[in-house]
Amino acid sequence: MKLVSPCIALCQLTEDDICVGCKRTIEEITNWRTYTDSQKQAVFTRLESLEKDVSDLSLT
Protein backbone atom coordinates (compact mmCIF):
# COMPACT_ATOMS: atom_id res chain seq x y z
CA MET A 1 0.00 0.00 0.00
CA LYS A 2 1.35 3.44 -0.91
CA LEU A 3 0.28 6.07 1.62
CA VAL A 4 0.39 9.64 0.37
CA SER A 5 1.41 12.60 2.46
CA PRO A 6 -1.36 14.30 4.45
CA CYS A 7 0.06 17.69 3.39
CA ILE A 8 -2.66 20.14 2.29
CA ALA A 9 -0.22 22.85 1.13
CA LEU A 10 -1.00 25.14 4.06
CA CYS A 11 2.52 24.91 5.41
CA GLN A 12 3.26 27.02 8.46
CA LEU A 13 4.80 25.85 11.70
CA THR A 14 3.61 26.84 15.15
CA GLU A 15 6.15 27.68 17.85
CA ASP A 16 5.84 24.00 18.87
CA ASP A 17 6.93 22.92 15.36
CA ILE A 18 3.50 21.58 14.40
CA CYS A 19 2.22 22.30 10.90
CA VAL A 20 -0.90 24.45 10.91
CA GLY A 21 -2.20 22.69 7.78
CA CYS A 22 -1.62 18.97 8.23
CA LYS A 23 -0.93 18.91 12.00
CA ARG A 24 2.23 16.83 11.59
CA THR A 25 5.31 17.48 13.67
CA ILE A 26 8.44 18.80 12.00
CA GLU A 27 10.00 15.35 12.53
CA GLU A 28 7.07 13.64 10.77
CA ILE A 29 7.29 16.07 7.87
CA THR A 30 11.04 15.81 7.36
CA ASN A 31 11.15 12.02 7.73
CA TRP A 32 7.98 11.21 5.75
CA ARG A 33 9.83 9.96 2.66
CA THR A 34 11.83 7.45 4.69
CA TYR A 35 8.97 6.24 6.89
CA THR A 36 7.67 2.73 6.37
CA ASP A 37 3.97 2.29 5.62
CA SER A 38 3.53 1.24 9.25
CA GLN A 39 5.10 4.48 10.49
CA LYS A 40 3.00 6.52 8.06
CA GLN A 41 -0.14 4.73 9.24
CA ALA A 42 0.78 5.61 12.84
CA VAL A 43 0.92 9.28 11.83
CA PHE A 44 -2.51 9.04 10.16
CA THR A 45 -3.90 7.33 13.27
CA ARG A 46 -2.57 10.16 15.47
CA LEU A 47 -4.04 12.78 13.12
CA GLU A 48 -7.43 11.04 13.15
CA SER A 49 -7.29 11.03 16.94
CA LEU A 50 -6.71 14.79 16.91
CA GLU A 51 -9.73 15.29 14.65
CA LYS A 52 -11.88 13.19 16.97
CA ASP A 53 -10.72 15.19 20.00
CA VAL A 54 -11.63 18.46 18.27
CA SER A 55 -15.00 17.09 17.22
CA ASP A 56 -15.69 15.90 20.79
CA LEU A 57 -14.87 19.37 22.13
CA SER A 58 -17.33 21.01 19.74
CA LEU A 59 -20.12 18.77 21.03
CA THR A 60 -19.76 20.08 24.58
PDB file of N, CA and C in Angstrom:
ATOM      1  N   MET A   1       0.854  -1.174   0.000  1.00  0.00           N
ATOM      2  CA  MET A   1       0.000   0.000   0.000  1.00  0.00           C
ATOM      3  C   MET A   1       0.902   1.240   0.000  1.00  0.00           C
ATOM      4  N   LYS A   2       0.580   2.195  -0.827  1.00  0.00           N
ATOM      5  CA  LYS A   2       1.348   3.441  -0.910  1.00  0.00           C
ATOM      6  C   LYS A   2       0.540   4.553  -0.255  1.00  0.00           C
ATOM      7  N   LEU A   3       0.976   5.001   0.911  1.00  0.00           N
ATOM      8  CA  LEU A   3       0.284   6.069   1.623  1.00  0.00           C
ATOM      9  C   LEU A   3       0.850   7.416   1.185  1.00  0.00           C
ATOM     10  N   VAL A   4      -0.034   8.310   0.816  1.00  0.00           N
ATOM     11  CA  VAL A   4       0.387   9.642   0.372  1.00  0.00           C
ATOM     12  C   VAL A   4       0.472  10.588   1.564  1.00  0.00           C
ATOM     13  N   SER A   5       1.227  11.614   1.402  1.00  0.00           N
ATOM     14  CA  SER A   5       1.410  12.604   2.456  1.00  0.00           C
ATOM     15  C   SER A   5       0.081  13.295   2.785  1.00  0.00           C
ATOM     16  N   PRO A   6      -0.144  13.575   4.058  1.00  0.00           N
ATOM     17  CA  PRO A   6      -1.356  14.302   4.449  1.00  0.00           C
ATOM     18  C   PRO A   6      -1.240  15.819   4.237  1.00  0.00           C
ATOM     19  N   CYS A   7      -0.158  16.262   3.624  1.00  0.00           N
ATOM     20  CA  CYS A   7       0.056  17.694   3.389  1.00  0.00           C
ATOM     21  C   CYS A   7      -1.108  18.283   2.589  1.00  0.00           C
ATOM     22  N   ILE A   8      -1.583  19.463   3.023  1.00  0.00           N
ATOM     23  CA  ILE A   8      -2.656  20.142   2.292  1.00  0.00           C
ATOM     24  C   ILE A   8      -2.178  21.492   1.758  1.00  0.00           C
ATOM     25  N   ALA A   9      -0.859  21.645   1.676  1.00  0.00           N
ATOM     26  CA  ALA A   9      -0.222  22.849   1.127  1.00  0.00           C
ATOM     27  C   ALA A   9      -0.604  24.127   1.881  1.00  0.00           C
ATOM     28  N   LEU A  10      -0.777  23.994   3.180  1.00  0.00           N
ATOM     29  CA  LEU A  10      -0.998  25.136   4.064  1.00  0.00           C
ATOM     30  C   LEU A  10       0.112  25.070   5.115  1.00  0.00           C
ATOM     31  N   CYS A  11       1.333  25.196   4.617  1.00  0.00           N
ATOM     32  CA  CYS A  11       2.522  24.913   5.414  1.00  0.00           C
ATOM     33  C   CYS A  11       2.968  26.118   6.225  1.00  0.00           C
ATOM     34  N   GLN A  12       2.793  26.002   7.522  1.00  0.00           N
ATOM     35  CA  GLN A  12       3.262  27.019   8.456  1.00  0.00           C
ATOM     36  C   GLN A  12       3.410  26.322   9.800  1.00  0.00           C
ATOM     37  N   LEU A  13       4.548  26.506  10.433  1.00  0.00           N
ATOM     38  CA  LEU A  13       4.803  25.846  11.703  1.00  0.00           C
ATOM     39  C   LEU A  13       4.432  26.740  12.876  1.00  0.00           C
ATOM     40  N   THR A  14       3.862  26.132  13.903  1.00  0.00           N
ATOM     41  CA  THR A  14       3.607  26.837  15.153  1.00  0.00           C
ATOM     42  C   THR A  14       4.920  26.922  15.919  1.00  0.00           C
ATOM     43  N   GLU A  15       4.924  27.606  17.038  1.00  0.00           N
ATOM     44  CA  GLU A  15       6.145  27.678  17.845  1.00  0.00           C
ATOM     45  C   GLU A  15       6.504  26.319  18.441  1.00  0.00           C
ATOM     46  N   ASP A  16       5.570  25.372  18.414  1.00  0.00           N
ATOM     47  CA  ASP A  16       5.839  24.000  18.872  1.00  0.00           C
ATOM     48  C   ASP A  16       6.263  23.087  17.730  1.00  0.00           C
ATOM     49  N   ASP A  17       6.531  23.668  16.556  1.00  0.00           N
ATOM     50  CA  ASP A  17       6.935  22.919  15.362  1.00  0.00           C
ATOM     51  C   ASP A  17       5.882  21.918  14.897  1.00  0.00           C
ATOM     52  N   ILE A  18       4.623  22.348  14.932  1.00  0.00           N
ATOM     53  CA  ILE A  18       3.501  21.575  14.404  1.00  0.00           C
ATOM     54  C   ILE A  18       2.962  22.340  13.199  1.00  0.00           C
ATOM     55  N   CYS A  19       2.743  21.643  12.084  1.00  0.00           N
ATOM     56  CA  CYS A  19       2.225  22.304  10.896  1.00  0.00           C
ATOM     57  C   CYS A  19       0.760  22.704  11.103  1.00  0.00           C
ATOM     58  N   VAL A  20       0.456  23.937  10.781  1.00  0.00           N
ATOM     59  CA  VAL A  20      -0.903  24.448  10.913  1.00  0.00           C
ATOM     60  C   VAL A  20      -1.855  23.712   9.961  1.00  0.00           C
ATOM     61  N   GLY A  21      -1.352  23.339   8.785  1.00  0.00           N
ATOM     62  CA  GLY A  21      -2.199  22.691   7.779  1.00  0.00           C
ATOM     63  C   GLY A  21      -2.477  21.231   8.055  1.00  0.00           C
ATOM     64  N   CYS A  22      -1.426  20.425   8.125  1.00  0.00           N
ATOM     65  CA  CYS A  22      -1.624  18.972   8.226  1.00  0.00           C
ATOM     66  C   CYS A  22      -1.514  18.442   9.644  1.00  0.00           C
ATOM     67  N   LYS A  23      -1.061  19.251  10.573  1.00  0.00           N
ATOM     68  CA  LYS A  23      -0.928  18.909  11.998  1.00  0.00           C
ATOM     69  C   LYS A  23       0.191  17.915  12.293  1.00  0.00           C
ATOM     70  N   ARG A  24       1.090  17.702  11.316  1.00  0.00           N
ATOM     71  CA  ARG A  24       2.228  16.826  11.591  1.00  0.00           C
ATOM     72  C   ARG A  24       3.329  17.605  12.303  1.00  0.00           C
ATOM     73  N   THR A  25       4.152  16.867  13.039  1.00  0.00           N
ATOM     74  CA  THR A  25       5.313  17.478  13.671  1.00  0.00           C
ATOM     75  C   THR A  25       6.384  17.705  12.615  1.00  0.00           C
ATOM     76  N   ILE A  26       7.352  18.545  12.937  1.00  0.00           N
ATOM     77  CA  ILE A  26       8.441  18.798  12.002  1.00  0.00           C
ATOM     78  C   ILE A  26       9.192  17.492  11.722  1.00  0.00           C
ATOM     79  N   GLU A  27       9.330  16.641  12.717  1.00  0.00           N
ATOM     80  CA  GLU A  27       9.996  15.350  12.525  1.00  0.00           C
ATOM     81  C   GLU A  27       9.218  14.477  11.537  1.00  0.00           C
ATOM     82  N   GLU A  28       7.895  14.438  11.686  1.00  0.00           N
ATOM     83  CA  GLU A  28       7.071  13.637  10.772  1.00  0.00           C
ATOM     84  C   GLU A  28       7.167  14.167   9.340  1.00  0.00           C
ATOM     85  N   ILE A  29       7.206  15.472   9.197  1.00  0.00           N
ATOM     86  CA  ILE A  29       7.290  16.074   7.869  1.00  0.00           C
ATOM     87  C   ILE A  29       8.636  15.755   7.219  1.00  0.00           C
ATOM     88  N   THR A  30       9.717  15.985   7.956  1.00  0.00           N
ATOM     89  CA  THR A  30      11.043  15.810   7.358  1.00  0.00           C
ATOM     90  C   THR A  30      11.392  14.345   7.113  1.00  0.00           C
ATOM     91  N   ASN A  31      10.823  13.442   7.883  1.00  0.00           N
ATOM     92  CA  ASN A  31      11.146  12.021   7.728  1.00  0.00           C
ATOM     93  C   ASN A  31      10.124  11.236   6.906  1.00  0.00           C
ATOM     94  N   TRP A  32       9.073  11.895   6.431  1.00  0.00           N
ATOM     95  CA  TRP A  32       7.978  11.209   5.749  1.00  0.00           C
ATOM     96  C   TRP A  32       8.462  10.287   4.636  1.00  0.00           C
ATOM     97  N   ARG A  33       9.367  10.752   3.816  1.00  0.00           N
ATOM     98  CA  ARG A  33       9.830   9.961   2.660  1.00  0.00           C
ATOM     99  C   ARG A  33      10.543   8.678   3.071  1.00  0.00           C
ATOM    100  N   THR A  34      11.106   8.647   4.253  1.00  0.00           N
ATOM    101  CA  THR A  34      11.833   7.453   4.691  1.00  0.00           C
ATOM    102  C   THR A  34      11.009   6.571   5.618  1.00  0.00           C
ATOM    103  N   TYR A  35       9.839   7.044   6.021  1.00  0.00           N
ATOM    104  CA  TYR A  35       8.974   6.242   6.891  1.00  0.00           C
ATOM    105  C   TYR A  35       8.469   5.000   6.156  1.00  0.00           C
ATOM    106  N   THR A  36       8.317   3.929   6.904  1.00  0.00           N
ATOM    107  CA  THR A  36       7.672   2.732   6.373  1.00  0.00           C
ATOM    108  C   THR A  36       6.168   2.992   6.330  1.00  0.00           C
ATOM    109  N   ASP A  37       5.434   2.136   5.635  1.00  0.00           N
ATOM    110  CA  ASP A  37       3.972   2.285   5.616  1.00  0.00           C
ATOM    111  C   ASP A  37       3.401   2.198   7.028  1.00  0.00           C
ATOM    112  N   SER A  38       3.996   1.375   7.863  1.00  0.00           N
ATOM    113  CA  SER A  38       3.532   1.241   9.247  1.00  0.00           C
ATOM    114  C   SER A  38       3.727   2.556  10.013  1.00  0.00           C
ATOM    115  N   GLN A  39       4.857   3.198   9.829  1.00  0.00           N
ATOM    116  CA  GLN A  39       5.104   4.482  10.487  1.00  0.00           C
ATOM    117  C   GLN A  39       4.159   5.560   9.959  1.00  0.00           C
ATOM    118  N   LYS A  40       3.933   5.556   8.652  1.00  0.00           N
ATOM    119  CA  LYS A  40       2.997   6.523   8.064  1.00  0.00           C
ATOM    120  C   LYS A  40       1.590   6.299   8.598  1.00  0.00           C
ATOM    121  N   GLN A  41       1.186   5.039   8.713  1.00  0.00           N
ATOM    122  CA  GLN A  41      -0.141   4.733   9.240  1.00  0.00           C
ATOM    123  C   GLN A  41      -0.271   5.212  10.682  1.00  0.00           C
ATOM    124  N   ALA A  42       0.798   5.110  11.461  1.00  0.00           N
ATOM    125  CA  ALA A  42       0.777   5.606  12.838  1.00  0.00           C
ATOM    126  C   ALA A  42       0.547   7.118  12.865  1.00  0.00           C
ATOM    127  N   VAL A  43       1.139   7.830  11.916  1.00  0.00           N
ATOM    128  CA  VAL A  43       0.921   9.276  11.826  1.00  0.00           C
ATOM    129  C   VAL A  43      -0.541   9.558  11.499  1.00  0.00           C
ATOM    130  N   PHE A  44      -1.099   8.844  10.520  1.00  0.00           N
ATOM    131  CA  PHE A  44      -2.509   9.036  10.161  1.00  0.00           C
ATOM    132  C   PHE A  44      -3.424   8.731  11.341  1.00  0.00           C
ATOM    133  N   THR A  45      -3.098   7.689  12.099  1.00  0.00           N
ATOM    134  CA  THR A  45      -3.900   7.333  13.275  1.00  0.00           C
ATOM    135  C   THR A  45      -3.868   8.460  14.301  1.00  0.00           C
ATOM    136  N   ARG A  46      -2.690   9.034  14.521  1.00  0.00           N
ATOM    137  CA  ARG A  46      -2.575  10.158  15.465  1.00  0.00           C
ATOM    138  C   ARG A  46      -3.367  11.359  14.981  1.00  0.00           C
ATOM    139  N   LEU A  47      -3.300  11.640  13.684  1.00  0.00           N
ATOM    140  CA  LEU A  47      -4.037  12.780  13.124  1.00  0.00           C
ATOM    141  C   LEU A  47      -5.542  12.576  13.233  1.00  0.00           C
ATOM    142  N   GLU A  48      -6.001  11.348  12.999  1.00  0.00           N
ATOM    143  CA  GLU A  48      -7.426  11.043  13.147  1.00  0.00           C
ATOM    144  C   GLU A  48      -7.865  11.221  14.593  1.00  0.00           C
ATOM    145  N   SER A  49      -6.999  10.855  15.525  1.00  0.00           N
ATOM    146  CA  SER A  49      -7.295  11.029  16.943  1.00  0.00           C
ATOM    147  C   SER A  49      -7.448  12.510  17.284  1.00  0.00           C
ATOM    148  N   LEU A  50      -6.596  13.346  16.695  1.00  0.00           N
ATOM    149  CA  LEU A  50      -6.705  14.793  16.908  1.00  0.00           C
ATOM    150  C   LEU A  50      -8.041  15.321  16.401  1.00  0.00           C
ATOM    151  N   GLU A  51      -8.450  14.864  15.219  1.00  0.00           N
ATOM    152  CA  GLU A  51      -9.727  15.295  14.647  1.00  0.00           C
ATOM    153  C   GLU A  51     -10.881  14.888  15.544  1.00  0.00           C
ATOM    154  N   LYS A  52     -10.818  13.672  16.087  1.00  0.00           N
ATOM    155  CA  LYS A  52     -11.877  13.185  16.971  1.00  0.00           C
ATOM    156  C   LYS A  52     -11.935  14.035  18.239  1.00  0.00           C
ATOM    157  N   ASP A  53     -10.763  14.357  18.791  1.00  0.00           N
ATOM    158  CA  ASP A  53     -10.717  15.194  19.999  1.00  0.00           C
ATOM    159  C   ASP A  53     -11.342  16.558  19.749  1.00  0.00           C
ATOM    160  N   VAL A  54     -11.064  17.152  18.611  1.00  0.00           N
ATOM    161  CA  VAL A  54     -11.629  18.460  18.271  1.00  0.00           C
ATOM    162  C   VAL A  54     -13.136  18.354  18.090  1.00  0.00           C
ATOM    163  N   SER A  55     -13.564  17.277  17.437  1.00  0.00           N
ATOM    164  CA  SER A  55     -14.998  17.092  17.221  1.00  0.00           C
ATOM    165  C   SER A  55     -15.726  16.853  18.553  1.00  0.00           C
ATOM    166  N   ASP A  56     -15.101  16.126  19.471  1.00  0.00           N
ATOM    167  CA  ASP A  56     -15.690  15.905  20.793  1.00  0.00           C
ATOM    168  C   ASP A  56     -15.814  17.200  21.566  1.00  0.00           C
ATOM    169  N   LEU A  57     -14.838  18.085  21.435  1.00  0.00           N
ATOM    170  CA  LEU A  57     -14.873  19.371  22.131  1.00  0.00           C
ATOM    171  C   LEU A  57     -16.005  20.254  21.606  1.00  0.00           C
ATOM    172  N   SER A  58     -16.284  20.159  20.307  1.00  0.00           N
ATOM    173  CA  SER A  58     -17.326  21.010  19.741  1.00  0.00           C
ATOM    174  C   SER A  58     -18.721  20.528  20.135  1.00  0.00           C
ATOM    175  N   LEU A  59     -18.830  19.302  20.611  1.00  0.00           N
ATOM    176  CA  LEU A  59     -20.121  18.766  21.034  1.00  0.00           C
ATOM    177  C   LEU A  59     -20.477  19.204  22.452  1.00  0.00           C
ATOM    178  N   THR A  60     -19.488  19.695  23.189  1.00  0.00           N
ATOM    179  CA  THR A  60     -19.759  20.081  24.580  1.00  0.00           C
ATOM    180  C   THR A  60     -20.130  21.524  24.699  1.00  0.00           C
TER     181      THR A  60
END
